[in-house]
Structure formats: C-alpha cells, structure tokens
Amino acid sequence: MAQANDEESGGRLTAGRWPRAMAFAGLLLAGAAQAAEPDLAKAEQLLKEGEAAEAVALFEQALEADPSSAGAQLGLGRALYAAGEYARADRIRVGAEIRQSASRHAEPDGSL
C-alpha cells in the first residue's frame, strides 16, 4: 500500500509525509550546529598551542556549518593573523564588524 502511494505521488512528499520530513531536517540542522561547537573548542585549543594553520582549517569548517557564527568569524580572524595572513585576517575583521553593526541597527523582524 505504501509503495502504491509512493508511485502515485511520483516520489514527492505528500501532505502526510511533510511534517516528518521537516522534523528530520530539523534534527539534521541541530546536529550540524552541535557538531560545529566542538570544532570551535578544538580550533581555539590549536590556536593556543601555536597550530595556526590547523586552527584556520577548523574555523573555516565551523563557518561552513554556520556562516553566522560570531565565534568562528572572530576565531578565524585571530588564527589568520597568527598564521601571518594579515590581509585576509583584516578582511574577516572588517566583514565581522559590518555584520555586527548591521545586526545592531536591524529591527526585531530582521529588516534594516
């Protein structure tokens, strides 16, 4: 019976399956956010140990998982500076400052 329903819907999500699909997507996103946190802690530890290049890689991974992560943005800037990539570190800093300023001036609904 379920197979017939799948064939009739052409493989699309039917109304009955939509809530389950959304719940599953939410679990995946929550897992990705939680996975990014240990990466930040490990990146910070690597940076403290003088392993700037490795820290840069982990901060970049954390930003891929959550582009709005202030901790990952700031950490990446510090790691780039420690790695001697001053121009790139400065671009990250300026971008973070612009985003921070924009968020301060945004309305509660997210509009400017």
PDB file of N, CA and C in Angstrom:
ATOM      1  N   MET A   1       0.828  -1.198   0.000  1.00  0.00           N
ATOM      2  CA  MET A   1       0.000   0.000   0.000  1.00  0.00           C
ATOM      3  C   MET A   1       0.868   1.255   0.000  1.00  0.00           C
ATOM      4  N   ALA A   2       1.878   1.296   0.880  1.00  0.00           N
ATOM      5  CA  ALA A   2       2.754   2.462   0.924  1.00  0.00           C
ATOM      6  C   ALA A   2       3.503   2.632  -0.372  1.00  0.00           C
ATOM      7  N   GLN A   3       3.861   1.505  -0.999  1.00  0.00           N
ATOM      8  CA  GLN A   3       4.575   1.583  -2.262  1.00  0.00           C
ATOM      9  C   GLN A   3       3.674   2.180  -3.326  1.00  0.00           C
ATOM     10  N   ALA A   4       2.395   1.821  -3.324  1.00  0.00           N
ATOM     11  CA  ALA A   4       1.462   2.384  -4.290  1.00  0.00           C
ATOM     12  C   ALA A   4       1.344   3.885  -4.098  1.00  0.00           C
ATOM     13  N   ASN A   5       1.288   4.338  -2.847  1.00  0.00           N
ATOM     14  CA  ASN A   5       1.212   5.776  -2.581  1.00  0.00           C
ATOM     15  C   ASN A   5       2.452   6.485  -3.090  1.00  0.00           C
ATOM     16  N   ASP A   6       3.636   5.876  -2.904  1.00  0.00           N
ATOM     17  CA  ASP A   6       4.873   6.468  -3.400  1.00  0.00           C
ATOM     18  C   ASP A   6       4.844   6.586  -4.911  1.00  0.00           C
ATOM     19  N   GLU A   7       4.352   5.535  -5.576  1.00  0.00           N
ATOM     20  CA  GLU A   7       4.298   5.563  -7.038  1.00  0.00           C
ATOM     21  C   GLU A   7       3.319   6.612  -7.523  1.00  0.00           C
ATOM     22  N   GLU A   8       2.171   6.738  -6.845  1.00  0.00           N
ATOM     23  CA  GLU A   8       1.169   7.718  -7.248  1.00  0.00           C
ATOM     24  C   GLU A   8       1.666   9.142  -7.063  1.00  0.00           C
ATOM     25  N   SER A   9       2.481   9.377  -6.052  1.00  0.00           N
ATOM     26  CA  SER A   9       2.953  10.735  -5.790  1.00  0.00           C
ATOM     27  C   SER A   9       4.175  11.075  -6.623  1.00  0.00           C
ATOM     28  N   GLY A  10       4.686  10.109  -7.390  1.00  0.00           N
ATOM     29  CA  GLY A  10       5.868  10.373  -8.203  1.00  0.00           C
ATOM     30  C   GLY A  10       7.114  10.603  -7.359  1.00  0.00           C
ATOM     31  N   GLY A  11       7.148  10.070  -6.136  1.00  0.00           N
ATOM     32  CA  GLY A  11       8.314  10.231  -5.281  1.00  0.00           C
ATOM     33  C   GLY A  11       8.326  11.541  -4.504  1.00  0.00           C
ATOM     34  N   ARG A  12       7.299  12.374  -4.693  1.00  0.00           N
ATOM     35  CA  ARG A  12       7.230  13.657  -3.979  1.00  0.00           C
ATOM     36  C   ARG A  12       6.726  13.452  -2.564  1.00  0.00           C
ATOM     37  N   LEU A  13       6.970  14.434  -1.739  1.00  0.00           N
ATOM     38  CA  LEU A  13       6.449  14.372  -0.373  1.00  0.00           C
ATOM     39  C   LEU A  13       4.961  14.689  -0.398  1.00  0.00           C
ATOM     40  N   THR A  14       4.174  13.784   0.129  1.00  0.00           N
ATOM     41  CA  THR A  14       2.744  14.026   0.234  1.00  0.00           C
ATOM     42  C   THR A  14       2.467  14.785   1.521  1.00  0.00           C
ATOM     43  N   ALA A  15       1.251  15.269   1.657  1.00  0.00           N
ATOM     44  CA  ALA A  15       0.893  16.068   2.833  1.00  0.00           C
ATOM     45  C   ALA A  15       1.144  15.309   4.131  1.00  0.00           C
ATOM     46  N   GLY A  16       0.919  14.000   4.131  1.00  0.00           N
ATOM     47  CA  GLY A  16       1.132  13.216   5.341  1.00  0.00           C
ATOM     48  C   GLY A  16       2.596  13.040   5.699  1.00  0.00           C
ATOM     49  N   ARG A  17       3.465  13.121   4.714  1.00  0.00           N
ATOM     50  CA  ARG A  17       4.889  12.925   4.962  1.00  0.00           C
ATOM     51  C   ARG A  17       5.630  14.226   5.241  1.00  0.00           C
ATOM     52  N   TRP A  18       5.057  15.333   4.907  1.00  0.00           N
ATOM     53  CA  TRP A  18       5.738  16.627   5.053  1.00  0.00           C
ATOM     54  C   TRP A  18       6.171  16.911   6.493  1.00  0.00           C
ATOM     55  N   PRO A  19       5.314  16.747   7.497  1.00  0.00           N
ATOM     56  CA  PRO A  19       5.758  17.032   8.877  1.00  0.00           C
ATOM     57  C   PRO A  19       6.935  16.157   9.310  1.00  0.00           C
ATOM     58  N   ARG A  20       6.935  14.890   8.913  1.00  0.00           N
ATOM     59  CA  ARG A  20       8.054  14.017   9.276  1.00  0.00           C
ATOM     60  C   ARG A  20       9.338  14.460   8.589  1.00  0.00           C
ATOM     61  N   ALA A  21       9.220  14.871   7.328  1.00  0.00           N
ATOM     62  CA  ALA A  21      10.403  15.339   6.600  1.00  0.00           C
ATOM     63  C   ALA A  21      10.961  16.602   7.245  1.00  0.00           C
ATOM     64  N   MET A  22      10.092  17.512   7.664  1.00  0.00           N
ATOM     65  CA  MET A  22      10.538  18.745   8.306  1.00  0.00           C
ATOM     66  C   MET A  22      11.195  18.452   9.657  1.00  0.00           C
ATOM     67  N   ALA A  23      10.632  17.519  10.402  1.00  0.00           N
ATOM     68  CA  ALA A  23      11.217  17.150  11.689  1.00  0.00           C
ATOM     69  C   ALA A  23      12.602  16.549  11.481  1.00  0.00           C
ATOM     70  N   PHE A  24      12.738  15.709  10.463  1.00  0.00           N
ATOM     71  CA  PHE A  24      14.036  15.103  10.154  1.00  0.00           C
ATOM     72  C   PHE A  24      15.040  16.174   9.758  1.00  0.00           C
ATOM     73  N   ALA A  25      14.627  17.125   8.932  1.00  0.00           N
ATOM     74  CA  ALA A  25      15.519  18.212   8.528  1.00  0.00           C
ATOM     75  C   ALA A  25      15.960  19.020   9.748  1.00  0.00           C
ATOM     76  N   GLY A  26      15.053  19.263  10.675  1.00  0.00           N
ATOM     77  CA  GLY A  26      15.395  19.984  11.901  1.00  0.00           C
ATOM     78  C   GLY A  26      16.431  19.246  12.726  1.00  0.00           C
ATOM     79  N   LEU A  27      16.294  17.931  12.805  1.00  0.00           N
ATOM     80  CA  LEU A  27      17.279  17.131  13.539  1.00  0.00           C
ATOM     81  C   LEU A  27      18.647  17.202  12.872  1.00  0.00           C
ATOM     82  N   LEU A  28      18.669  17.162  11.549  1.00  0.00           N
ATOM     83  CA  LEU A  28      19.940  17.261  10.834  1.00  0.00           C
ATOM     84  C   LEU A  28      20.612  18.603  11.083  1.00  0.00           C
ATOM     85  N   LEU A  29      19.833  19.680  11.023  1.00  0.00           N
ATOM     86  CA  LEU A  29      20.394  21.011  11.256  1.00  0.00           C
ATOM     87  C   LEU A  29      20.883  21.165  12.684  1.00  0.00           C
ATOM     88  N   ALA A  30      20.136  20.643  13.640  1.00  0.00           N
ATOM     89  CA  ALA A  30      20.559  20.722  15.038  1.00  0.00           C
ATOM     90  C   ALA A  30      21.850  19.944  15.245  1.00  0.00           C
ATOM     91  N   GLY A  31      21.964  18.808  14.601  1.00  0.00           N
ATOM     92  CA  GLY A  31      23.188  18.016  14.706  1.00  0.00           C
ATOM     93  C   GLY A  31      24.376  18.742  14.114  1.00  0.00           C
ATOM     94  N   ALA A  32      24.161  19.442  12.999  1.00  0.00           N
ATOM     95  CA  ALA A  32      25.251  20.194  12.372  1.00  0.00           C
ATOM     96  C   ALA A  32      25.701  21.328  13.286  1.00  0.00           C
ATOM     97  N   ALA A  33      24.762  22.001  13.937  1.00  0.00           N
ATOM     98  CA  ALA A  33      25.115  23.100  14.836  1.00  0.00           C
ATOM     99  C   ALA A  33      25.899  22.578  16.034  1.00  0.00           C
ATOM    100  N   GLN A  34      25.470  21.435  16.576  1.00  0.00           N
ATOM    101  CA  GLN A  34      26.184  20.871  17.720  1.00  0.00           C
ATOM    102  C   GLN A  34      27.566  20.391  17.314  1.00  0.00           C
ATOM    103  N   ALA A  35      27.696  19.871  16.099  1.00  0.00           N
ATOM    104  CA  ALA A  35      28.993  19.392  15.627  1.00  0.00           C
ATOM    105  C   ALA A  35      29.971  20.547  15.458  1.00  0.00           C
ATOM    106  N   ALA A  36      29.473  21.748  15.145  1.00  0.00           N
ATOM    107  CA  ALA A  36      30.345  22.898  14.939  1.00  0.00           C
ATOM    108  C   ALA A  36      30.968  23.361  16.256  1.00  0.00           C
ATOM    109  N   GLU A  37      30.257  23.230  17.368  1.00  0.00           N
ATOM    110  CA  GLU A  37      30.759  23.706  18.653  1.00  0.00           C
ATOM    111  C   GLU A  37      32.065  23.024  19.077  1.00  0.00           C
ATOM    112  N   PRO A  38      32.155  21.695  19.031  1.00  0.00           N
ATOM    113  CA  PRO A  38      33.433  21.074  19.399  1.00  0.00           C
ATOM    114  C   PRO A  38      34.568  21.513  18.476  1.00  0.00           C
ATOM    115  N   ASP A  39      34.250  21.755  17.204  1.00  0.00           N
ATOM    116  CA  ASP A  39      35.271  22.223  16.272  1.00  0.00           C
ATOM    117  C   ASP A  39      35.821  23.568  16.727  1.00  0.00           C
ATOM    118  N   LEU A  40      34.959  24.446  17.237  1.00  0.00           N
ATOM    119  CA  LEU A  40      35.418  25.746  17.722  1.00  0.00           C
ATOM    120  C   LEU A  40      36.336  25.570  18.931  1.00  0.00           C
ATOM    121  N   ALA A  41      35.946  24.699  19.837  1.00  0.00           N
ATOM    122  CA  ALA A  41      36.778  24.471  21.028  1.00  0.00           C
ATOM    123  C   ALA A  41      38.136  23.889  20.630  1.00  0.00           C
ATOM    124  N   LYS A  42      38.121  22.942  19.703  1.00  0.00           N
ATOM    125  CA  LYS A  42      39.377  22.342  19.257  1.00  0.00           C
ATOM    126  C   LYS A  42      40.215  23.378  18.508  1.00  0.00           C
ATOM    127  N   ALA A  43      39.567  24.214  17.691  1.00  0.00           N
ATOM    128  CA  ALA A  43      40.292  25.255  16.953  1.00  0.00           C
ATOM    129  C   ALA A  43      40.935  26.242  17.919  1.00  0.00           C
ATOM    130  N   GLU A  44      40.202  26.633  18.958  1.00  0.00           N
ATOM    131  CA  GLU A  44      40.764  27.544  19.966  1.00  0.00           C
ATOM    132  C   GLU A  44      41.977  26.917  20.648  1.00  0.00           C
ATOM    133  N   GLN A  45      41.866  25.621  20.975  1.00  0.00           N
ATOM    134  CA  GLN A  45      42.982  24.925  21.624  1.00  0.00           C
ATOM    135  C   GLN A  45      44.194  24.875  20.695  1.00  0.00           C
ATOM    136  N   LEU A  46      43.964  24.557  19.414  1.00  0.00           N
ATOM    137  CA  LEU A  46      45.065  24.528  18.456  1.00  0.00           C
ATOM    138  C   LEU A  46      45.726  25.894  18.333  1.00  0.00           C
ATOM    139  N   LEU A  47      44.918  26.934  18.330  1.00  0.00           N
ATOM    140  CA  LEU A  47      45.455  28.292  18.231  1.00  0.00           C
ATOM    141  C   LEU A  47      46.326  28.609  19.448  1.00  0.00           C
ATOM    142  N   LYS A  48      45.884  28.226  20.639  1.00  0.00           N
ATOM    143  CA  LYS A  48      46.667  28.441  21.860  1.00  0.00           C
ATOM    144  C   LYS A  48      47.988  27.674  21.822  1.00  0.00           C
ATOM    145  N   GLU A  49      47.968  26.514  21.157  1.00  0.00           N
ATOM    146  CA  GLU A  49      49.168  25.679  21.065  1.00  0.00           C
ATOM    147  C   GLU A  49      50.096  26.110  19.926  1.00  0.00           C
ATOM    148  N   GLY A  50      49.725  27.179  19.214  1.00  0.00           N
ATOM    149  CA  GLY A  50      50.568  27.674  18.126  1.00  0.00           C
ATOM    150  C   GLY A  50      50.362  26.972  16.796  1.00  0.00           C
ATOM    151  N   GLU A  51      49.313  26.187  16.683  1.00  0.00           N
ATOM    152  CA  GLU A  51      48.999  25.466  15.450  1.00  0.00           C
ATOM    153  C   GLU A  51      47.992  26.272  14.630  1.00  0.00           C
ATOM    154  N   ALA A  52      48.435  27.440  14.151  1.00  0.00           N
ATOM    155  CA  ALA A  52      47.526  28.381  13.492  1.00  0.00           C
ATOM    156  C   ALA A  52      46.910  27.821  12.218  1.00  0.00           C
ATOM    157  N   ALA A  53      47.686  27.156  11.378  1.00  0.00           N
ATOM    158  CA  ALA A  53      47.155  26.635  10.113  1.00  0.00           C
ATOM    159  C   ALA A  53      46.042  25.618  10.352  1.00  0.00           C
ATOM    160  N   GLU A  54      46.232  24.754  11.342  1.00  0.00           N
ATOM    161  CA  GLU A  54      45.201  23.774  11.669  1.00  0.00           C
ATOM    162  C   GLU A  54      43.969  24.455  12.250  1.00  0.00           C
ATOM    163  N   ALA A  55      44.188  25.483  13.047  1.00  0.00           N
ATOM    164  CA  ALA A  55      43.060  26.233  13.621  1.00  0.00           C
ATOM    165  C   ALA A  55      42.274  26.933  12.514  1.00  0.00           C
ATOM    166  N   VAL A  56      42.976  27.507  11.533  1.00  0.00           N
ATOM    167  CA  VAL A  56      42.296  28.158  10.404  1.00  0.00           C
ATOM    168  C   VAL A  56      41.367  27.165   9.732  1.00  0.00           C
ATOM    169  N   ALA A  57      41.852  25.959   9.466  1.00  0.00           N
ATOM    170  CA  ALA A  57      41.034  24.950   8.790  1.00  0.00           C
ATOM    171  C   ALA A  57      39.776  24.617   9.589  1.00  0.00           C
ATOM    172  N   LEU A  58      39.909  24.473  10.915  1.00  0.00           N
ATOM    173  CA  LEU A  58      38.734  24.146  11.734  1.00  0.00           C
ATOM    174  C   LEU A  58      37.763  25.315  11.834  1.00  0.00           C
ATOM    175  N   PHE A  59      38.278  26.548  11.957  1.00  0.00           N
ATOM    176  CA  PHE A  59      37.377  27.705  11.987  1.00  0.00           C
ATOM    177  C   PHE A  59      36.624  27.831  10.654  1.00  0.00           C
ATOM    178  N   GLU A  60      37.301  27.550   9.558  1.00  0.00           N
ATOM    179  CA  GLU A  60      36.640  27.606   8.250  1.00  0.00           C
ATOM    180  C   GLU A  60      35.545  26.548   8.154  1.00  0.00           C
ATOM    181  N   GLN A  61      35.806  25.346   8.674  1.00  0.00           N
ATOM    182  CA  GLN A  61      34.779  24.299   8.684  1.00  0.00           C
ATOM    183  C   GLN A  61      33.580  24.721   9.531  1.00  0.00           C
ATOM    184  N   ALA A  62      33.855  25.336  10.670  1.00  0.00           N
ATOM    185  CA  ALA A  62      32.770  25.792  11.537  1.00  0.00           C
ATOM    186  C   ALA A  62      31.936  26.861  10.834  1.00  0.00           C
ATOM    187  N   LEU A  63      32.593  27.732  10.075  1.00  0.00           N
ATOM    188  CA  LEU A  63      31.852  28.762   9.339  1.00  0.00           C
ATOM    189  C   LEU A  63      31.040  28.171   8.197  1.00  0.00           C
ATOM    190  N   GLU A  64      31.522  27.110   7.593  1.00  0.00           N
ATOM    191  CA  GLU A  64      30.721  26.440   6.562  1.00  0.00           C
ATOM    192  C   GLU A  64      29.452  25.873   7.175  1.00  0.00           C
ATOM    193  N   ALA A  65      29.565  25.317   8.388  1.00  0.00           N
ATOM    194  CA  ALA A  65      28.406  24.752   9.069  1.00  0.00           C
ATOM    195  C   ALA A  65      27.448  25.839   9.543  1.00  0.00           C
ATOM    196  N   ASP A  66      28.000  26.980   9.982  1.00  0.00           N
ATOM    197  CA  ASP A  66      27.168  28.087  10.481  1.00  0.00           C
ATOM    198  C   ASP A  66      27.815  29.417  10.114  1.00  0.00           C
ATOM    199  N   PRO A  67      27.488  29.941   8.920  1.00  0.00           N
ATOM    200  CA  PRO A  67      28.120  31.180   8.454  1.00  0.00           C
ATOM    201  C   PRO A  67      27.891  32.389   9.360  1.00  0.00           C
ATOM    202  N   SER A  68      26.900  32.334  10.230  1.00  0.00           N
ATOM    203  CA  SER A  68      26.623  33.478  11.103  1.00  0.00           C
ATOM    204  C   SER A  68      27.330  33.362  12.456  1.00  0.00           C
ATOM    205  N   SER A  69      28.146  32.344  12.647  1.00  0.00           N
ATOM    206  CA  SER A  69      28.808  32.134  13.937  1.00  0.00           C
ATOM    207  C   SER A  69      29.851  33.221  14.199  1.00  0.00           C
ATOM    208  N   ALA A  70      29.556  34.066  15.161  1.00  0.00           N
ATOM    209  CA  ALA A  70      30.495  35.139  15.517  1.00  0.00           C
ATOM    210  C   ALA A  70      31.784  34.555  16.079  1.00  0.00           C
ATOM    211  N   GLY A  71      31.674  33.498  16.864  1.00  0.00           N
ATOM    212  CA  GLY A  71      32.858  32.866  17.434  1.00  0.00           C
ATOM    213  C   GLY A  71      33.785  32.321  16.361  1.00  0.00           C
ATOM    214  N   ALA A  72      33.200  31.721  15.342  1.00  0.00           N
ATOM    215  CA  ALA A  72      34.015  31.182  14.256  1.00  0.00           C
ATOM    216  C   ALA A  72      34.639  32.304  13.433  1.00  0.00           C
ATOM    217  N   GLN A  73      33.896  33.389  13.215  1.00  0.00           N
ATOM    218  CA  GLN A  73      34.432  34.524  12.450  1.00  0.00           C
ATOM    219  C   GLN A  73      35.600  35.169  13.185  1.00  0.00           C
ATOM    220  N   LEU A  74      35.397  35.441  14.462  1.00  0.00           N
ATOM    221  CA  LEU A  74      36.458  36.069  15.246  1.00  0.00           C
ATOM    222  C   LEU A  74      37.665  35.145  15.388  1.00  0.00           C
ATOM    223  N   GLY A  75      37.392  33.868  15.633  1.00  0.00           N
ATOM    224  CA  GLY A  75      38.481  32.906  15.761  1.00  0.00           C
ATOM    225  C   GLY A  75      39.269  32.775  14.472  1.00  0.00           C
ATOM    226  N   LEU A  76      38.563  32.774  13.346  1.00  0.00           N
ATOM    227  CA  LEU A  76      39.250  32.684  12.061  1.00  0.00           C
ATOM    228  C   LEU A  76      40.152  33.896  11.858  1.00  0.00           C
ATOM    229  N   GLY A  77      39.661  35.062  12.204  1.00  0.00           N
ATOM    230  CA  GLY A  77      40.481  36.262  12.078  1.00  0.00           C
ATOM    231  C   GLY A  77      41.742  36.184  12.922  1.00  0.00           C
ATOM    232  N   ARG A  78      41.605  35.721  14.160  1.00  0.00           N
ATOM    233  CA  ARG A  78      42.774  35.594  15.038  1.00  0.00           C
ATOM    234  C   ARG A  78      43.746  34.540  14.522  1.00  0.00           C
ATOM    235  N   ALA A  79      43.198  33.414  14.027  1.00  0.00           N
ATOM    236  CA  ALA A  79      44.054  32.338  13.520  1.00  0.00           C
ATOM    237  C   ALA A  79      44.785  32.780  12.255  1.00  0.00           C
ATOM    238  N   LEU A  80      44.100  33.517  11.393  1.00  0.00           N
ATOM    239  CA  LEU A  80      44.749  34.019  10.183  1.00  0.00           C
ATOM    240  C   LEU A  80      45.878  34.975  10.541  1.00  0.00           C
ATOM    241  N   TYR A  81      45.630  35.839  11.508  1.00  0.00           N
ATOM    242  CA  TYR A  81      46.663  36.774  11.949  1.00  0.00           C
ATOM    243  C   TYR A  81      47.872  36.005  12.501  1.00  0.00           C
ATOM    244  N   ALA A  82      47.596  34.996  13.319  1.00  0.00           N
ATOM    245  CA  ALA A  82      48.673  34.191  13.897  1.00  0.00           C
ATOM    246  C   ALA A  82      49.451  33.438  12.813  1.00  0.00           C
ATOM    247  N   ALA A  83      48.752  33.105  11.711  1.00  0.00           N
ATOM    248  CA  ALA A  83      49.401  32.390  10.612  1.00  0.00           C
ATOM    249  C   ALA A  83      50.132  33.347   9.672  1.00  0.00           C
ATOM    250  N   GLY A  84      50.065  34.648   9.955  1.00  0.00           N
ATOM    251  CA  GLY A  84      50.762  35.629   9.127  1.00  0.00           C
ATOM    252  C   GLY A  84      49.975  36.074   7.908  1.00  0.00           C
ATOM    253  N   GLU A  85      48.707  35.703   7.842  1.00  0.00           N
ATOM    254  CA  GLU A  85      47.848  36.106   6.722  1.00  0.00           C
ATOM    255  C   GLU A  85      47.110  37.390   7.113  1.00  0.00           C
ATOM    256  N   TYR A  86      47.878  38.472   7.216  1.00  0.00           N
ATOM    257  CA  TYR A  86      47.352  39.719   7.769  1.00  0.00           C
ATOM    258  C   TYR A  86      46.249  40.341   6.931  1.00  0.00           C
ATOM    259  N   ALA A  87      46.399  40.374   5.613  1.00  0.00           N
ATOM    260  CA  ALA A  87      45.385  40.989   4.751  1.00  0.00           C
ATOM    261  C   ALA A  87      44.065  40.232   4.844  1.00  0.00           C
ATOM    262  N   ARG A  88      44.138  38.904   4.806  1.00  0.00           N
ATOM    263  CA  ARG A  88      42.912  38.103   4.900  1.00  0.00           C
ATOM    264  C   ARG A  88      42.281  38.250   6.282  1.00  0.00           C
ATOM    265  N   ALA A  89      43.120  38.290   7.314  1.00  0.00           N
ATOM    266  CA  ALA A  89      42.602  38.478   8.673  1.00  0.00           C
ATOM    267  C   ALA A  89      41.872  39.810   8.782  1.00  0.00           C
ATOM    268  N   ASP A  90      42.415  40.857   8.156  1.00  0.00           N
ATOM    269  CA  ASP A  90      41.788  42.165   8.198  1.00  0.00           C
ATOM    270  C   ASP A  90      40.449  42.156   7.466  1.00  0.00           C
ATOM    271  N   ARG A  91      40.364  41.447   6.334  1.00  0.00           N
ATOM    272  CA  ARG A  91      39.088  41.354   5.602  1.00  0.00           C
ATOM    273  C   ARG A  91      38.031  40.661   6.452  1.00  0.00           C
ATOM    274  N   ILE A  92      38.426  39.608   7.161  1.00  0.00           N
ATOM    275  CA  ILE A  92      37.494  38.900   8.046  1.00  0.00           C
ATOM    276  C   ILE A  92      37.017  39.842   9.150  1.00  0.00           C
ATOM    277  N   ARG A  93      37.947  40.616   9.735  1.00  0.00           N
ATOM    278  CA  ARG A  93      37.597  41.543  10.818  1.00  0.00           C
ATOM    279  C   ARG A  93      36.623  42.597  10.329  1.00  0.00           C
ATOM    280  N   VAL A  94      36.904  43.196   9.173  1.00  0.00           N
ATOM    281  CA  VAL A  94      36.038  44.246   8.638  1.00  0.00           C
ATOM    282  C   VAL A  94      34.650  43.674   8.339  1.00  0.00           C
ATOM    283  N   GLY A  95      34.614  42.487   7.754  1.00  0.00           N
ATOM    284  CA  GLY A  95      33.318  41.861   7.463  1.00  0.00           C
ATOM    285  C   GLY A  95      32.529  41.587   8.720  1.00  0.00           C
ATOM    286  N   ALA A  96      33.210  41.110   9.758  1.00  0.00           N
ATOM    287  CA  ALA A  96      32.534  40.832  11.028  1.00  0.00           C
ATOM    288  C   ALA A  96      32.009  42.124  11.652  1.00  0.00           C
ATOM    289  N   GLU A  97      32.782  43.198  11.560  1.00  0.00           N
ATOM    290  CA  GLU A  97      32.336  44.486  12.106  1.00  0.00           C
ATOM    291  C   GLU A  97      31.117  45.006  11.362  1.00  0.00           C
ATOM    292  N   ILE A  98      31.098  44.838  10.039  1.00  0.00           N
ATOM    293  CA  ILE A  98      29.951  45.290   9.246  1.00  0.00           C
ATOM    294  C   ILE A  98      28.711  44.495   9.628  1.00  0.00           C
ATOM    295  N   ARG A  99      28.849  43.170   9.740  1.00  0.00           N
ATOM    296  CA  ARG A  99      27.702  42.335  10.119  1.00  0.00           C
ATOM    297  C   ARG A  99      27.218  42.687  11.521  1.00  0.00           C
ATOM    298  N   GLN A 100      28.165  42.939  12.438  1.00  0.00           N
ATOM    299  CA  GLN A 100      27.799  43.281  13.810  1.00  0.00           C
ATOM    300  C   GLN A 100      27.053  44.617  13.837  1.00  0.00           C
ATOM    301  N   SER A 101      27.539  45.594  13.085  1.00  0.00           N
ATOM    302  CA  SER A 101      26.892  46.896  13.041  1.00  0.00           C
ATOM    303  C   SER A 101      25.496  46.786  12.438  1.00  0.00           C
ATOM    304  N   ALA A 102      25.374  46.005  11.376  1.00  0.00           N
ATOM    305  CA  ALA A 102      24.071  45.836  10.733  1.00  0.00           C
ATOM    306  C   ALA A 102      23.084  45.162  11.675  1.00  0.00           C
ATOM    307  N   SER A 103      23.556  44.186  12.444  1.00  0.00           N
ATOM    308  CA  SER A 103      22.650  43.488  13.360  1.00  0.00           C
ATOM    309  C   SER A 103      22.201  44.401  14.495  1.00  0.00           C
ATOM    310  N   ARG A 104      23.042  45.351  14.888  1.00  0.00           N
ATOM    311  CA  ARG A 104      22.658  46.302  15.941  1.00  0.00           C
ATOM    312  C   ARG A 104      21.552  47.231  15.466  1.00  0.00           C
ATOM    313  N   HIS A 105      21.574  47.548  14.163  1.00  0.00           N
ATOM    314  CA  HIS A 105      20.607  48.503  13.626  1.00  0.00           C
ATOM    315  C   HIS A 105      19.393  47.828  13.027  1.00  0.00           C
ATOM    316  N   ALA A 106      19.342  46.505  13.041  1.00  0.00           N
ATOM    317  CA  ALA A 106      18.220  45.788  12.458  1.00  0.00           C
ATOM    318  C   ALA A 106      17.015  45.877  13.384  1.00  0.00           C
ATOM    319  N   GLU A 107      15.856  45.819  12.776  1.00  0.00           N
ATOM    320  CA  GLU A 107      14.604  45.770  13.522  1.00  0.00           C
ATOM    321  C   GLU A 107      14.435  44.361  14.088  1.00  0.00           C
ATOM    322  N   PRO A 108      13.551  44.164  15.061  1.00  0.00           N
ATOM    323  CA  PRO A 108      13.359  42.832  15.621  1.00  0.00           C
ATOM    324  C   PRO A 108      12.974  41.772  14.584  1.00  0.00           C
ATOM    325  N   ASP A 109      12.337  42.179  13.480  1.00  0.00           N
ATOM    326  CA  ASP A 109      11.962  41.216  12.453  1.00  0.00           C
ATOM    327  C   ASP A 109      13.097  40.933  11.479  1.00  0.00           C
ATOM    328  N   GLY A 110      14.280  41.541  11.705  1.00  0.00           N
ATOM    329  CA  GLY A 110      15.449  41.289  10.866  1.00  0.00           C
ATOM    330  C   GLY A 110      15.635  42.300   9.757  1.00  0.00           C
ATOM    331  N   SER A 111      14.673  43.199   9.536  1.00  0.00           N
ATOM    332  CA  SER A 111      14.833  44.202   8.488  1.00  0.00           C
ATOM    333  C   SER A 111      15.650  45.369   9.003  1.00  0.00           C
ATOM    334  N   LEU A 112      16.231  46.099   8.061  1.00  0.00           N
ATOM    335  CA  LEU A 112      17.061  47.254   8.463  1.00  0.00           C
ATOM    336  C   LEU A 112      16.257  48.518   8.515  1.00  0.00           C
TER     337      LEU A 112
END
